[in-house]
Amino acid sequence: MEAVVFDPGLPYAASPAAAGLFKEAWAGKKLKPFYRDALTVLDQLYGIRHVELAHADGLPESFLWVPPTAILEPAPVRQTVTAVGDGWLETCEGRREGYIYIAAGVWCGQLVPGLNLHGRAGTSLVFAGERPGQIRAISHGRQAIAFVRDPGCTYFSRWHGGTGI
């Protein structure tokens, strides 16, 4: 199977800034069988890593993760998708046919009206040097994390809302 990724390179896109962390509990009961199947494929393709973050009280919390740089298409087609349908998509350069999967960005409501996705606010930064993994509650539904995502660098993210990181 071949995949073509369309990414117009929108400013402030979240995927490159994502931590790439996940947990089975976030999938919920209905999605657990799919989660487990996807986990096997994800591990075969990219190698799932484990990271442990320490809470302020010193208690550890374990996460699985895959660096977004391992998954993101290195050379996407830099065209904006303008319309989608059952087995097709359109850009300014024409129409493509095949299986169509749409990433769940807030912008996809333009393609699928009524989807009702809402953006989450957050900040992601990378600092030189490696620091121990940490997770801190800021307030209800808000947290900050820091861990070594790439050798020689500490990734920091402040997350607002939801349970995902």
C-alpha atoms as a PDB file:
ATOM      1  CA  MET A   1       0.000   0.000   0.000  1.00  0.00           C
ATOM      2  CA  GLU A   2       1.261   3.453  -0.833  1.00  0.00           C
ATOM      3  CA  ALA A   3       0.321   6.633   1.013  1.00  0.00           C
ATOM      4  CA  VAL A   4       0.496  10.228  -0.143  1.00  0.00           C
ATOM      5  CA  VAL A   5       0.450  12.834   2.627  1.00  0.00           C
ATOM      6  CA  PHE A   6      -0.866  16.317   1.910  1.00  0.00           C
ATOM      7  CA  ASP A   7       0.288  18.961   4.376  1.00  0.00           C
ATOM      8  CA  PRO A   8       0.088  22.615   3.427  1.00  0.00           C
ATOM      9  CA  GLY A   9       2.551  23.496   6.202  1.00  0.00           C
ATOM     10  CA  LEU A  10       0.150  25.670   8.168  1.00  0.00           C
ATOM     11  CA  PRO A  11       1.773  27.914  10.768  1.00  0.00           C
ATOM     12  CA  TYR A  12       1.465  26.654  14.364  1.00  0.00           C
ATOM     13  CA  ALA A  13       0.576  23.106  13.267  1.00  0.00           C
ATOM     14  CA  ALA A  14       0.491  20.846  16.310  1.00  0.00           C
ATOM     15  CA  SER A  15       1.900  17.562  14.971  1.00  0.00           C
ATOM     16  CA  PRO A  16       5.613  18.507  14.913  1.00  0.00           C
ATOM     17  CA  ALA A  17       5.257  20.060  18.382  1.00  0.00           C
ATOM     18  CA  ALA A  18       3.427  17.090  19.919  1.00  0.00           C
ATOM     19  CA  ALA A  19       5.052  15.072  22.683  1.00  0.00           C
ATOM     20  CA  GLY A  20       4.008  11.783  21.076  1.00  0.00           C
ATOM     21  CA  LEU A  21       2.985  10.300  24.438  1.00  0.00           C
ATOM     22  CA  PHE A  22       0.080   7.875  24.826  1.00  0.00           C
ATOM     23  CA  LYS A  23      -1.489   5.393  27.242  1.00  0.00           C
ATOM     24  CA  GLU A  24      -3.963   2.567  26.794  1.00  0.00           C
ATOM     25  CA  ALA A  25      -6.332   4.194  29.310  1.00  0.00           C
ATOM     26  CA  TRP A  26      -6.803   7.128  26.929  1.00  0.00           C
ATOM     27  CA  ALA A  27      -8.316   4.836  24.281  1.00  0.00           C
ATOM     28  CA  GLY A  28     -11.354   4.005  26.416  1.00  0.00           C
ATOM     29  CA  LYS A  29     -13.221   0.704  26.534  1.00  0.00           C
ATOM     30  CA  LYS A  30     -14.687   0.822  23.017  1.00  0.00           C
ATOM     31  CA  LEU A  31     -11.350   1.478  21.328  1.00  0.00           C
ATOM     32  CA  LYS A  32      -9.117  -0.869  23.359  1.00  0.00           C
ATOM     33  CA  PRO A  33      -9.183  -3.726  20.796  1.00  0.00           C
ATOM     34  CA  PHE A  34      -8.211  -1.269  18.038  1.00  0.00           C
ATOM     35  CA  TYR A  35      -5.580   0.291  20.285  1.00  0.00           C
ATOM     36  CA  ARG A  36      -3.886  -3.038  20.880  1.00  0.00           C
ATOM     37  CA  ASP A  37      -3.840  -3.873  17.149  1.00  0.00           C
ATOM     38  CA  ALA A  38      -2.499  -0.419  16.316  1.00  0.00           C
ATOM     39  CA  LEU A  39       0.150  -0.735  19.015  1.00  0.00           C
ATOM     40  CA  THR A  40       1.588  -3.819  17.310  1.00  0.00           C
ATOM     41  CA  VAL A  41       1.812  -2.068  13.935  1.00  0.00           C
ATOM     42  CA  LEU A  42       3.198   1.136  15.453  1.00  0.00           C
ATOM     43  CA  ASP A  43       5.902  -0.821  17.239  1.00  0.00           C
ATOM     44  CA  GLN A  44       6.838  -2.758  14.082  1.00  0.00           C
ATOM     45  CA  LEU A  45       7.060   0.400  11.991  1.00  0.00           C
ATOM     46  CA  TYR A  46       8.629   2.901  14.390  1.00  0.00           C
ATOM     47  CA  GLY A  47       9.577   1.196  17.648  1.00  0.00           C
ATOM     48  CA  ILE A  48       7.553   2.243  20.659  1.00  0.00           C
ATOM     49  CA  ARG A  49       9.578   3.762  23.451  1.00  0.00           C
ATOM     50  CA  HIS A  50       8.827   4.026  27.173  1.00  0.00           C
ATOM     51  CA  VAL A  51       9.264   7.138  29.278  1.00  0.00           C
ATOM     52  CA  GLU A  52       8.678   7.642  32.972  1.00  0.00           C
ATOM     53  CA  LEU A  53       7.767  11.086  34.254  1.00  0.00           C
ATOM     54  CA  ALA A  54       7.939  12.012  37.949  1.00  0.00           C
ATOM     55  CA  HIS A  55       5.093  13.930  39.590  1.00  0.00           C
ATOM     56  CA  ALA A  56       5.826  16.695  42.106  1.00  0.00           C
ATOM     57  CA  ASP A  57       5.393  14.157  44.928  1.00  0.00           C
ATOM     58  CA  GLY A  58       7.989  11.890  43.322  1.00  0.00           C
ATOM     59  CA  LEU A  59       5.506   9.232  42.154  1.00  0.00           C
ATOM     60  CA  PRO A  60       6.312   7.991  38.640  1.00  0.00           C
ATOM     61  CA  GLU A  61       3.871   7.775  35.738  1.00  0.00           C
ATOM     62  CA  SER A  62       4.749   5.661  32.701  1.00  0.00           C
ATOM     63  CA  PHE A  63       3.884   6.563  29.129  1.00  0.00           C
ATOM     64  CA  LEU A  64       4.481   4.999  25.743  1.00  0.00           C
ATOM     65  CA  TRP A  65       5.716   7.286  23.002  1.00  0.00           C
ATOM     66  CA  VAL A  66       6.975   7.590  19.491  1.00  0.00           C
ATOM     67  CA  PRO A  67       8.762  10.786  18.490  1.00  0.00           C
ATOM     68  CA  PRO A  68       6.626  12.689  15.975  1.00  0.00           C
ATOM     69  CA  THR A  69       9.722  13.074  13.783  1.00  0.00           C
ATOM     70  CA  ALA A  70       9.732   9.277  13.330  1.00  0.00           C
ATOM     71  CA  ILE A  71       6.145   9.230  12.078  1.00  0.00           C
ATOM     72  CA  LEU A  72       5.655  12.486  10.205  1.00  0.00           C
ATOM     73  CA  GLU A  73       6.103  12.334   6.445  1.00  0.00           C
ATOM     74  CA  PRO A  74       9.486  13.921   5.672  1.00  0.00           C
ATOM     75  CA  ALA A  75       8.414  15.164   2.227  1.00  0.00           C
ATOM     76  CA  PRO A  76       4.648  15.768   2.163  1.00  0.00           C
ATOM     77  CA  VAL A  77       2.846  17.246  -0.831  1.00  0.00           C
ATOM     78  CA  ARG A  78       2.647  20.944   0.082  1.00  0.00           C
ATOM     79  CA  GLN A  79      -0.848  21.537  -1.270  1.00  0.00           C
ATOM     80  CA  THR A  80      -4.014  22.501   0.543  1.00  0.00           C
ATOM     81  CA  VAL A  81      -6.802  19.968   0.271  1.00  0.00           C
ATOM     82  CA  THR A  82      -9.907  21.916  -0.767  1.00  0.00           C
ATOM     83  CA  ALA A  83     -12.565  19.182  -0.851  1.00  0.00           C
ATOM     84  CA  VAL A  84     -12.989  15.514   0.071  1.00  0.00           C
ATOM     85  CA  GLY A  85     -15.554  12.867  -0.721  1.00  0.00           C
ATOM     86  CA  ASP A  86     -16.032   9.130  -0.716  1.00  0.00           C
ATOM     87  CA  GLY A  87     -12.720   7.939  -2.161  1.00  0.00           C
ATOM     88  CA  TRP A  88     -11.410  11.245  -3.510  1.00  0.00           C
ATOM     89  CA  LEU A  89      -9.815  14.558  -2.599  1.00  0.00           C
ATOM     90  CA  GLU A  90      -9.135  17.771  -4.476  1.00  0.00           C
ATOM     91  CA  THR A  91      -6.329  20.312  -4.334  1.00  0.00           C
ATOM     92  CA  CYS A  92      -5.559  23.292  -6.540  1.00  0.00           C
ATOM     93  CA  GLU A  93      -3.626  20.843  -8.754  1.00  0.00           C
ATOM     94  CA  GLY A  94      -6.511  18.458  -9.353  1.00  0.00           C
ATOM     95  CA  ARG A  95      -8.308  15.396  -8.049  1.00  0.00           C
ATOM     96  CA  ARG A  96      -6.821  12.241  -6.492  1.00  0.00           C
ATOM     97  CA  GLU A  97      -8.708   9.011  -5.912  1.00  0.00           C
ATOM     98  CA  GLY A  98      -8.235   6.232  -3.374  1.00  0.00           C
ATOM     99  CA  TYR A  99      -8.687   5.711   0.351  1.00  0.00           C
ATOM    100  CA  ILE A 100      -8.828   9.060   2.106  1.00  0.00           C
ATOM    101  CA  TYR A 101      -7.896   9.607   5.755  1.00  0.00           C
ATOM    102  CA  ILE A 102      -8.161  13.058   7.300  1.00  0.00           C
ATOM    103  CA  ALA A 103      -6.049  14.049  10.295  1.00  0.00           C
ATOM    104  CA  ALA A 104      -8.125  15.441  13.134  1.00  0.00           C
ATOM    105  CA  GLY A 105      -6.919  19.029  13.058  1.00  0.00           C
ATOM    106  CA  VAL A 106      -9.287  21.884  13.861  1.00  0.00           C
ATOM    107  CA  TRP A 107      -9.032  22.932  10.211  1.00  0.00           C
ATOM    108  CA  CYS A 108     -10.740  19.727   8.982  1.00  0.00           C
ATOM    109  CA  GLY A 109     -14.154  21.215   9.850  1.00  0.00           C
ATOM    110  CA  GLN A 110     -13.719  23.129   6.580  1.00  0.00           C
ATOM    111  CA  LEU A 111     -13.690  19.790   4.748  1.00  0.00           C
ATOM    112  CA  VAL A 112     -16.247  17.914   6.851  1.00  0.00           C
ATOM    113  CA  PRO A 113     -18.894  20.384   8.050  1.00  0.00           C
ATOM    114  CA  GLY A 114     -20.391  19.656  11.462  1.00  0.00           C
ATOM    115  CA  LEU A 115     -17.339  17.750  12.701  1.00  0.00           C
ATOM    116  CA  ASN A 116     -17.129  20.034  15.765  1.00  0.00           C
ATOM    117  CA  LEU A 117     -13.431  19.788  16.615  1.00  0.00           C
ATOM    118  CA  HIS A 118     -12.041  22.426  18.933  1.00  0.00           C
ATOM    119  CA  GLY A 119      -8.435  23.488  19.348  1.00  0.00           C
ATOM    120  CA  ARG A 120      -6.487  23.099  22.555  1.00  0.00           C
ATOM    121  CA  ALA A 121      -4.036  25.713  23.679  1.00  0.00           C
ATOM    122  CA  GLY A 122      -0.511  24.780  24.609  1.00  0.00           C
ATOM    123  CA  THR A 123       3.147  25.566  24.288  1.00  0.00           C
ATOM    124  CA  SER A 124       6.016  23.294  23.259  1.00  0.00           C
ATOM    125  CA  LEU A 125       9.696  24.163  23.549  1.00  0.00           C
ATOM    126  CA  VAL A 126      13.009  22.322  23.237  1.00  0.00           C
ATOM    127  CA  PHE A 127      16.018  23.112  25.428  1.00  0.00           C
ATOM    128  CA  ALA A 128      19.638  22.020  25.072  1.00  0.00           C
ATOM    129  CA  GLY A 129      20.735  19.412  27.613  1.00  0.00           C
ATOM    130  CA  GLU A 130      19.013  16.389  29.067  1.00  0.00           C
ATOM    131  CA  ARG A 131      16.874  16.740  32.174  1.00  0.00           C
ATOM    132  CA  PRO A 132      14.898  14.116  34.140  1.00  0.00           C
ATOM    133  CA  GLY A 133      11.312  13.491  33.002  1.00  0.00           C
ATOM    134  CA  GLN A 134       8.714  15.416  34.972  1.00  0.00           C
ATOM    135  CA  ILE A 135       4.970  15.992  34.927  1.00  0.00           C
ATOM    136  CA  ARG A 136       3.318  18.762  36.939  1.00  0.00           C
ATOM    137  CA  ALA A 137      -0.316  19.707  37.381  1.00  0.00           C
ATOM    138  CA  ILE A 138      -0.744  23.429  36.839  1.00  0.00           C
ATOM    139  CA  SER A 139      -4.484  23.567  37.527  1.00  0.00           C
ATOM    140  CA  HIS A 140      -7.551  21.468  36.686  1.00  0.00           C
ATOM    141  CA  GLY A 141      -7.098  20.145  33.138  1.00  0.00           C
ATOM    142  CA  ARG A 142      -3.689  21.816  32.753  1.00  0.00           C
ATOM    143  CA  GLN A 143      -0.278  20.235  33.077  1.00  0.00           C
ATOM    144  CA  ALA A 144       3.338  20.684  32.114  1.00  0.00           C
ATOM    145  CA  ILE A 145       5.739  17.919  31.072  1.00  0.00           C
ATOM    146  CA  ALA A 146       9.442  17.732  30.367  1.00  0.00           C
ATOM    147  CA  PHE A 147      11.473  14.767  29.124  1.00  0.00           C
ATOM    148  CA  VAL A 148      14.268  13.870  26.729  1.00  0.00           C
ATOM    149  CA  ARG A 149      12.559  13.411  23.363  1.00  0.00           C
ATOM    150  CA  ASP A 150      15.678  13.684  21.211  1.00  0.00           C
ATOM    151  CA  PRO A 151      19.297  13.049  22.302  1.00  0.00           C
ATOM    152  CA  GLY A 152      20.883  16.127  23.849  1.00  0.00           C
ATOM    153  CA  CYS A 153      17.587  18.013  24.185  1.00  0.00           C
ATOM    154  CA  THR A 154      14.803  18.291  26.737  1.00  0.00           C
ATOM    155  CA  TYR A 155      11.307  18.707  25.387  1.00  0.00           C
ATOM    156  CA  PHE A 156       8.917  20.886  27.432  1.00  0.00           C
ATOM    157  CA  SER A 157       5.185  21.224  26.889  1.00  0.00           C
ATOM    158  CA  ARG A 158       2.425  23.014  28.721  1.00  0.00           C
ATOM    159  CA  TRP A 159      -0.959  21.494  27.952  1.00  0.00           C
ATOM    160  CA  HIS A 160      -4.415  23.011  28.403  1.00  0.00           C
ATOM    161  CA  GLY A 161      -7.423  20.709  28.478  1.00  0.00           C
ATOM    162  CA  GLY A 162      -8.161  17.079  27.648  1.00  0.00           C
ATOM    163  CA  THR A 163      -6.284  14.018  28.808  1.00  0.00           C
ATOM    164  CA  GLY A 164      -3.831  13.606  25.935  1.00  0.00           C
ATOM    165  CA  ILE A 165      -0.329  14.981  25.751  1.00  0.00           C
END
